Amino acid sequence: LKIALACVPAAIVGVLFDDWLDEHLYN
């Protein structure tokens, strides 16, 4: 349950901004 809680921030950002991060920060 603690692991699941620790996953929440990255999961939210990953789902919502994955494509944007790939386009703008993966250089």
PDB file of all heavy atoms in Angstrom:
ATOM      1  N   LEU A   1       0.833  -1.204   0.000  1.00  0.00           N
ATOM      2  CA  LEU A   1       0.000   0.000   0.000  1.00  0.00           C
ATOM      3  C   LEU A   1       0.866   1.252   0.000  1.00  0.00           C
ATOM      4  O   LEU A   1       0.548   2.251  -0.672  1.00  0.00           O
ATOM      5  CB  LEU A   1      -0.936  -0.008   1.202  1.00  0.00           C
ATOM      6  CG  LEU A   1      -2.063  -1.057   1.175  1.00  0.00           C
ATOM      7  CD1 LEU A   1      -2.834  -1.042   2.487  1.00  0.00           C
ATOM      8  CD2 LEU A   1      -3.003  -0.812  -0.006  1.00  0.00           C
ATOM      9  N   LYS A   2       1.971   1.213   0.732  1.00  0.00           N
ATOM     10  CA  LYS A   2       2.905   2.344   0.742  1.00  0.00           C
ATOM     11  C   LYS A   2       3.574   2.493  -0.625  1.00  0.00           C
ATOM     12  O   LYS A   2       3.785   3.616  -1.105  1.00  0.00           O
ATOM     13  CB  LYS A   2       3.953   2.149   1.835  1.00  0.00           C
ATOM     14  CG  LYS A   2       3.388   2.240   3.246  1.00  0.00           C
ATOM     15  CD  LYS A   2       4.438   1.898   4.289  1.00  0.00           C
ATOM     16  CE  LYS A   2       3.829   1.918   5.692  1.00  0.00           C
ATOM     17  NZ  LYS A   2       4.797   1.472   6.724  1.00  0.00           N
ATOM     18  N   ILE A   3       3.890   1.370  -1.247  1.00  0.00           N
ATOM     19  CA  ILE A   3       4.465   1.410  -2.593  1.00  0.00           C
ATOM     20  C   ILE A   3       3.462   2.026  -3.568  1.00  0.00           C
ATOM     21  O   ILE A   3       3.823   2.856  -4.421  1.00  0.00           O
ATOM     22  CB  ILE A   3       4.866  -0.009  -3.052  1.00  0.00           C
ATOM     23  CG1 ILE A   3       6.094  -0.483  -2.270  1.00  0.00           C
ATOM     24  CG2 ILE A   3       5.142  -0.043  -4.555  1.00  0.00           C
ATOM     25  CD1 ILE A   3       6.466  -1.932  -2.509  1.00  0.00           C
ATOM     26  N   ALA A   4       2.199   1.618  -3.447  1.00  0.00           N
ATOM     27  CA  ALA A   4       1.157   2.182  -4.317  1.00  0.00           C
ATOM     28  C   ALA A   4       1.039   3.689  -4.126  1.00  0.00           C
ATOM     29  O   ALA A   4       0.908   4.446  -5.093  1.00  0.00           O
ATOM     30  CB  ALA A   4      -0.186   1.503  -4.026  1.00  0.00           C
ATOM     31  N   LEU A   5       1.117   4.133  -2.875  1.00  0.00           N
ATOM     32  CA  LEU A   5       1.056   5.565  -2.588  1.00  0.00           C
ATOM     33  C   LEU A   5       2.236   6.297  -3.224  1.00  0.00           C
ATOM     34  O   LEU A   5       2.076   7.386  -3.792  1.00  0.00           O
ATOM     35  CB  LEU A   5       1.051   5.792  -1.075  1.00  0.00           C
ATOM     36  CG  LEU A   5       1.026   7.257  -0.595  1.00  0.00           C
ATOM     37  CD1 LEU A   5      -0.244   7.954  -1.069  1.00  0.00           C
ATOM     38  CD2 LEU A   5       1.136   7.318   0.925  1.00  0.00           C
ATOM     39  N   ALA A   6       3.425   5.689  -3.141  1.00  0.00           N
ATOM     40  CA  ALA A   6       4.616   6.312  -3.718  1.00  0.00           C
ATOM     41  C   ALA A   6       4.546   6.385  -5.236  1.00  0.00           C
ATOM     42  O   ALA A   6       5.213   7.220  -5.853  1.00  0.00           O
ATOM     43  CB  ALA A   6       5.863   5.537  -3.285  1.00  0.00           C
ATOM     44  N   CYS A   7       3.736   5.533  -5.845  1.00  0.00           N
ATOM     45  CA  CYS A   7       3.602   5.520  -7.305  1.00  0.00           C
ATOM     46  C   CYS A   7       2.698   6.636  -7.827  1.00  0.00           C
ATOM     47  O   CYS A   7       2.767   6.990  -9.018  1.00  0.00           O
ATOM     48  CB  CYS A   7       3.028   4.179  -7.769  1.00  0.00           C
ATOM     49  SG  CYS A   7       4.151   2.783  -7.638  1.00  0.00           S
ATOM     50  N   VAL A   8       1.849   7.176  -6.963  1.00  0.00           N
ATOM     51  CA  VAL A   8       0.799   8.105  -7.411  1.00  0.00           C
ATOM     52  C   VAL A   8       1.347   9.335  -8.141  1.00  0.00           C
ATOM     53  O   VAL A   8       0.873   9.662  -9.241  1.00  0.00           O
ATOM     54  CB  VAL A   8      -0.090   8.523  -6.224  1.00  0.00           C
ATOM     55  CG1 VAL A   8      -1.033   9.658  -6.621  1.00  0.00           C
ATOM     56  CG2 VAL A   8      -0.890   7.327  -5.723  1.00  0.00           C
ATOM     57  N   PRO A   9       2.335  10.064  -7.568  1.00  0.00           N
ATOM     58  CA  PRO A   9       2.791  11.276  -8.272  1.00  0.00           C
ATOM     59  C   PRO A   9       3.291  11.016  -9.687  1.00  0.00           C
ATOM     60  O   PRO A   9       2.879  11.706 -10.635  1.00  0.00           O
ATOM     61  CB  PRO A   9       3.921  11.797  -7.362  1.00  0.00           C
ATOM     62  CG  PRO A   9       3.594  11.263  -6.018  1.00  0.00           C
ATOM     63  CD  PRO A   9       3.008   9.910  -6.260  1.00  0.00           C
ATOM     64  N   ALA A  10       4.164  10.015  -9.851  1.00  0.00           N
ATOM     65  CA  ALA A  10       4.715   9.721 -11.173  1.00  0.00           C
ATOM     66  C   ALA A  10       3.644   9.182 -12.111  1.00  0.00           C
ATOM     67  O   ALA A  10       3.664   9.461 -13.318  1.00  0.00           O
ATOM     68  CB  ALA A  10       5.865   8.727 -11.063  1.00  0.00           C
ATOM     69  N   ALA A  11       2.699   8.416 -11.564  1.00  0.00           N
ATOM     70  CA  ALA A  11       1.632   7.862 -12.398  1.00  0.00           C
ATOM     71  C   ALA A  11       0.758   8.969 -12.965  1.00  0.00           C
ATOM     72  O   ALA A  11       0.402   8.953 -14.149  1.00  0.00           O
ATOM     73  CB  ALA A  11       0.793   6.885 -11.580  1.00  0.00           C
ATOM     74  N   ILE A  12       0.407   9.933 -12.136  1.00  0.00           N
ATOM     75  CA  ILE A  12      -0.434  11.047 -12.601  1.00  0.00           C
ATOM     76  C   ILE A  12       0.272  11.836 -13.701  1.00  0.00           C
ATOM     77  O   ILE A  12      -0.295  12.118 -14.761  1.00  0.00           O
ATOM     78  CB  ILE A  12      -0.789  11.975 -11.425  1.00  0.00           C
ATOM     79  CG1 ILE A  12      -1.705  11.247 -10.431  1.00  0.00           C
ATOM     80  CG2 ILE A  12      -1.461  13.249 -11.932  1.00  0.00           C
ATOM     81  CD1 ILE A  12      -1.995  12.045  -9.176  1.00  0.00           C
ATOM     82  N   VAL A  13       1.523  12.174 -13.445  1.00  0.00           N
ATOM     83  CA  VAL A  13       2.289  12.942 -14.436  1.00  0.00           C
ATOM     84  C   VAL A  13       2.507  12.121 -15.706  1.00  0.00           C
ATOM     85  O   VAL A  13       2.403  12.645 -16.823  1.00  0.00           O
ATOM     86  CB  VAL A  13       3.643  13.378 -13.837  1.00  0.00           C
ATOM     87  CG1 VAL A  13       4.540  13.984 -14.918  1.00  0.00           C
ATOM     88  CG2 VAL A  13       3.424  14.376 -12.722  1.00  0.00           C
ATOM     89  N   GLY A  14       2.799  10.833 -15.545  1.00  0.00           N
ATOM     90  CA  GLY A  14       3.035   9.978 -16.704  1.00  0.00           C
ATOM     91  C   GLY A  14       1.817   9.857 -17.606  1.00  0.00           C
ATOM     92  O   GLY A  14       1.929   9.961 -18.839  1.00  0.00           O
ATOM     93  N   VAL A  15       0.666   9.645 -17.015  1.00  0.00           N
ATOM     94  CA  VAL A  15      -0.559   9.487 -17.792  1.00  0.00           C
ATOM     95  C   VAL A  15      -0.955  10.801 -18.473  1.00  0.00           C
ATOM     96  O   VAL A  15      -1.355  10.822 -19.646  1.00  0.00           O
ATOM     97  CB  VAL A  15      -1.708   8.982 -16.902  1.00  0.00           C
ATOM     98  CG1 VAL A  15      -3.031   9.023 -17.655  1.00  0.00           C
ATOM     99  CG2 VAL A  15      -1.423   7.562 -16.425  1.00  0.00           C
ATOM    100  N   LEU A  16      -0.841  11.913 -17.754  1.00  0.00           N
ATOM    101  CA  LEU A  16      -1.317  13.200 -18.276  1.00  0.00           C
ATOM    102  C   LEU A  16      -0.322  13.881 -19.213  1.00  0.00           C
ATOM    103  O   LEU A  16      -0.723  14.567 -20.167  1.00  0.00           O
ATOM    104  CB  LEU A  16      -1.642  14.142 -17.115  1.00  0.00           C
ATOM    105  CG  LEU A  16      -2.789  13.718 -16.193  1.00  0.00           C
ATOM    106  CD1 LEU A  16      -2.980  14.750 -15.090  1.00  0.00           C
ATOM    107  CD2 LEU A  16      -4.084  13.538 -16.987  1.00  0.00           C
ATOM    108  N   PHE A  17       0.988  13.698 -18.935  1.00  0.00           N
ATOM    109  CA  PHE A  17       1.973  14.505 -19.664  1.00  0.00           C
ATOM    110  C   PHE A  17       3.058  13.688 -20.371  1.00  0.00           C
ATOM    111  O   PHE A  17       4.087  14.233 -20.765  1.00  0.00           O
ATOM    112  CB  PHE A  17       2.654  15.477 -18.689  1.00  0.00           C
ATOM    113  CG  PHE A  17       1.691  16.382 -17.971  1.00  0.00           C
ATOM    114  CD1 PHE A  17       1.385  16.175 -16.641  1.00  0.00           C
ATOM    115  CD2 PHE A  17       1.081  17.438 -18.632  1.00  0.00           C
ATOM    116  CE1 PHE A  17       0.498  17.004 -15.967  1.00  0.00           C
ATOM    117  CE2 PHE A  17       0.196  18.278 -17.974  1.00  0.00           C
ATOM    118  CZ  PHE A  17      -0.104  18.062 -16.639  1.00  0.00           C
ATOM    119  N   ASP A  18       2.846  12.385 -20.538  1.00  0.00           N
ATOM    120  CA  ASP A  18       3.871  11.526 -21.135  1.00  0.00           C
ATOM    121  C   ASP A  18       4.321  12.028 -22.503  1.00  0.00           C
ATOM    122  O   ASP A  18       5.515  12.172 -22.771  1.00  0.00           O
ATOM    123  CB  ASP A  18       3.346  10.092 -21.237  1.00  0.00           C
ATOM    124  CG  ASP A  18       4.394   9.141 -21.794  1.00  0.00           C
ATOM    125  OD1 ASP A  18       5.478   9.039 -21.192  1.00  0.00           O
ATOM    126  OD2 ASP A  18       4.136   8.504 -22.835  1.00  0.00           O
ATOM    127  N   ASP A  19       3.366  12.317 -23.376  1.00  0.00           N
ATOM    128  CA  ASP A  19       3.715  12.771 -24.729  1.00  0.00           C
ATOM    129  C   ASP A  19       4.410  14.131 -24.704  1.00  0.00           C
ATOM    130  O   ASP A  19       5.367  14.365 -25.450  1.00  0.00           O
ATOM    131  CB  ASP A  19       2.455  12.841 -25.607  1.00  0.00           C
ATOM    132  CG  ASP A  19       1.886  11.457 -25.897  1.00  0.00           C
ATOM    133  OD1 ASP A  19       2.660  10.487 -25.848  1.00  0.00           O
ATOM    134  OD2 ASP A  19       0.671  11.355 -26.158  1.00  0.00           O
ATOM    135  N   TRP A  20       3.927  15.028 -23.843  1.00  0.00           N
ATOM    136  CA  TRP A  20       4.535  16.368 -23.767  1.00  0.00           C
ATOM    137  C   TRP A  20       5.968  16.272 -23.254  1.00  0.00           C
ATOM    138  O   TRP A  20       6.870  16.951 -23.783  1.00  0.00           O
ATOM    139  CB  TRP A  20       3.718  17.248 -22.828  1.00  0.00           C
ATOM    140  CG  TRP A  20       4.170  18.692 -22.823  1.00  0.00           C
ATOM    141  CD1 TRP A  20       3.716  19.705 -23.607  1.00  0.00           C
ATOM    142  CD2 TRP A  20       5.216  19.256 -22.001  1.00  0.00           C
ATOM    143  NE1 TRP A  20       4.385  20.877 -23.324  1.00  0.00           N
ATOM    144  CE2 TRP A  20       5.323  20.629 -22.349  1.00  0.00           C
ATOM    145  CE3 TRP A  20       6.056  18.746 -21.029  1.00  0.00           C
ATOM    146  CZ2 TRP A  20       6.237  21.490 -21.747  1.00  0.00           C
ATOM    147  CZ3 TRP A  20       6.981  19.597 -20.414  1.00  0.00           C
ATOM    148  CH2 TRP A  20       7.058  20.946 -20.768  1.00  0.00           C
ATOM    149  N   LEU A  21       6.201  15.441 -22.257  1.00  0.00           N
ATOM    150  CA  LEU A  21       7.551  15.279 -21.719  1.00  0.00           C
ATOM    151  C   LEU A  21       8.481  14.694 -22.765  1.00  0.00           C
ATOM    152  O   LEU A  21       9.632  15.136 -22.909  1.00  0.00           O
ATOM    153  CB  LEU A  21       7.519  14.372 -20.475  1.00  0.00           C
ATOM    154  CG  LEU A  21       6.805  14.947 -19.249  1.00  0.00           C
ATOM    155  CD1 LEU A  21       6.683  13.891 -18.161  1.00  0.00           C
ATOM    156  CD2 LEU A  21       7.549  16.158 -18.718  1.00  0.00           C
ATOM    157  N   ASP A  22       7.979  13.690 -23.514  1.00  0.00           N
ATOM    158  CA  ASP A  22       8.794  13.112 -24.580  1.00  0.00           C
ATOM    159  C   ASP A  22       9.192  14.158 -25.609  1.00  0.00           C
ATOM    160  O   ASP A  22      10.332  14.206 -26.076  1.00  0.00           O
ATOM    161  CB  ASP A  22       8.023  11.979 -25.279  1.00  0.00           C
ATOM    162  CG  ASP A  22       8.044  10.688 -24.480  1.00  0.00           C
ATOM    163  OD1 ASP A  22       8.755  10.637 -23.454  1.00  0.00           O
ATOM    164  OD2 ASP A  22       7.355   9.736 -24.883  1.00  0.00           O
ATOM    165  N   GLU A  23       8.248  15.016 -25.957  1.00  0.00           N
ATOM    166  CA  GLU A  23       8.478  15.997 -27.022  1.00  0.00           C
ATOM    167  C   GLU A  23       9.404  17.122 -26.591  1.00  0.00           C
ATOM    168  O   GLU A  23      10.233  17.595 -27.376  1.00  0.00           O
ATOM    169  CB  GLU A  23       7.136  16.570 -27.480  1.00  0.00           C
ATOM    170  CG  GLU A  23       7.265  17.587 -28.606  1.00  0.00           C
ATOM    171  CD  GLU A  23       5.921  18.142 -29.049  1.00  0.00           C
ATOM    172  OE1 GLU A  23       4.889  17.638 -28.557  1.00  0.00           O
ATOM    173  OE2 GLU A  23       5.909  19.070 -29.877  1.00  0.00           O
ATOM    174  N   HIS A  24       9.285  17.579 -25.327  1.00  0.00           N
ATOM    175  CA  HIS A  24       9.986  18.783 -24.913  1.00  0.00           C
ATOM    176  C   HIS A  24      11.232  18.540 -24.054  1.00  0.00           C
ATOM    177  O   HIS A  24      12.122  19.401 -24.023  1.00  0.00           O
ATOM    178  CB  HIS A  24       9.034  19.704 -24.140  1.00  0.00           C
ATOM    179  CG  HIS A  24       7.939  20.274 -24.974  1.00  0.00           C
ATOM    180  ND1 HIS A  24       6.734  19.626 -25.170  1.00  0.00           N
ATOM    181  CD2 HIS A  24       7.862  21.439 -25.688  1.00  0.00           C
ATOM    182  CE1 HIS A  24       5.968  20.358 -25.957  1.00  0.00           C
ATOM    183  NE2 HIS A  24       6.616  21.461 -26.284  1.00  0.00           N
ATOM    184  N   LEU A  25      11.299  17.431 -23.354  1.00  0.00           N
ATOM    185  CA  LEU A  25      12.416  17.238 -22.430  1.00  0.00           C
ATOM    186  C   LEU A  25      13.364  16.099 -22.805  1.00  0.00           C
ATOM    187  O   LEU A  25      14.468  16.029 -22.263  1.00  0.00           O
ATOM    188  CB  LEU A  25      11.886  16.996 -21.009  1.00  0.00           C
ATOM    189  CG  LEU A  25      11.125  18.169 -20.376  1.00  0.00           C
ATOM    190  CD1 LEU A  25      10.714  17.835 -18.950  1.00  0.00           C
ATOM    191  CD2 LEU A  25      11.968  19.448 -20.386  1.00  0.00           C
ATOM    192  N   TYR A  26      12.951  15.223 -23.714  1.00  0.00           N
ATOM    193  CA  TYR A  26      13.832  14.117 -24.085  1.00  0.00           C
ATOM    194  C   TYR A  26      14.798  14.558 -25.173  1.00  0.00           C
ATOM    195  O   TYR A  26      14.663  14.202 -26.338  1.00  0.00           O
ATOM    196  CB  TYR A  26      13.017  12.888 -24.518  1.00  0.00           C
ATOM    197  CG  TYR A  26      12.629  12.024 -23.346  1.00  0.00           C
ATOM    198  CD1 TYR A  26      11.557  12.387 -22.537  1.00  0.00           C
ATOM    199  CD2 TYR A  26      13.339  10.885 -23.012  1.00  0.00           C
ATOM    200  CE1 TYR A  26      11.205  11.621 -21.445  1.00  0.00           C
ATOM    201  CE2 TYR A  26      13.001  10.104 -21.920  1.00  0.00           C
ATOM    202  CZ  TYR A  26      11.927  10.484 -21.145  1.00  0.00           C
ATOM    203  OH  TYR A  26      11.587   9.718 -20.055  1.00  0.00           O
ATOM    204  N   ASN A  27      15.784  15.371 -24.760  1.00  0.00           N
ATOM    205  CA  ASN A  27      16.857  15.773 -25.660  1.00  0.00           C
ATOM    206  C   ASN A  27      18.170  15.725 -24.882  1.00  0.00           C
ATOM    207  O   ASN A  27      18.177  15.692 -23.653  1.00  0.00           O
ATOM    208  CB  ASN A  27      16.596  17.169 -26.235  1.00  0.00           C
ATOM    209  CG  ASN A  27      16.455  18.217 -25.144  1.00  0.00           C
ATOM    210  OD1 ASN A  27      17.440  18.620 -24.530  1.00  0.00           O
ATOM    211  ND2 ASN A  27      15.224  18.654 -24.885  1.00  0.00           N
TER     212      ASN A  27
END
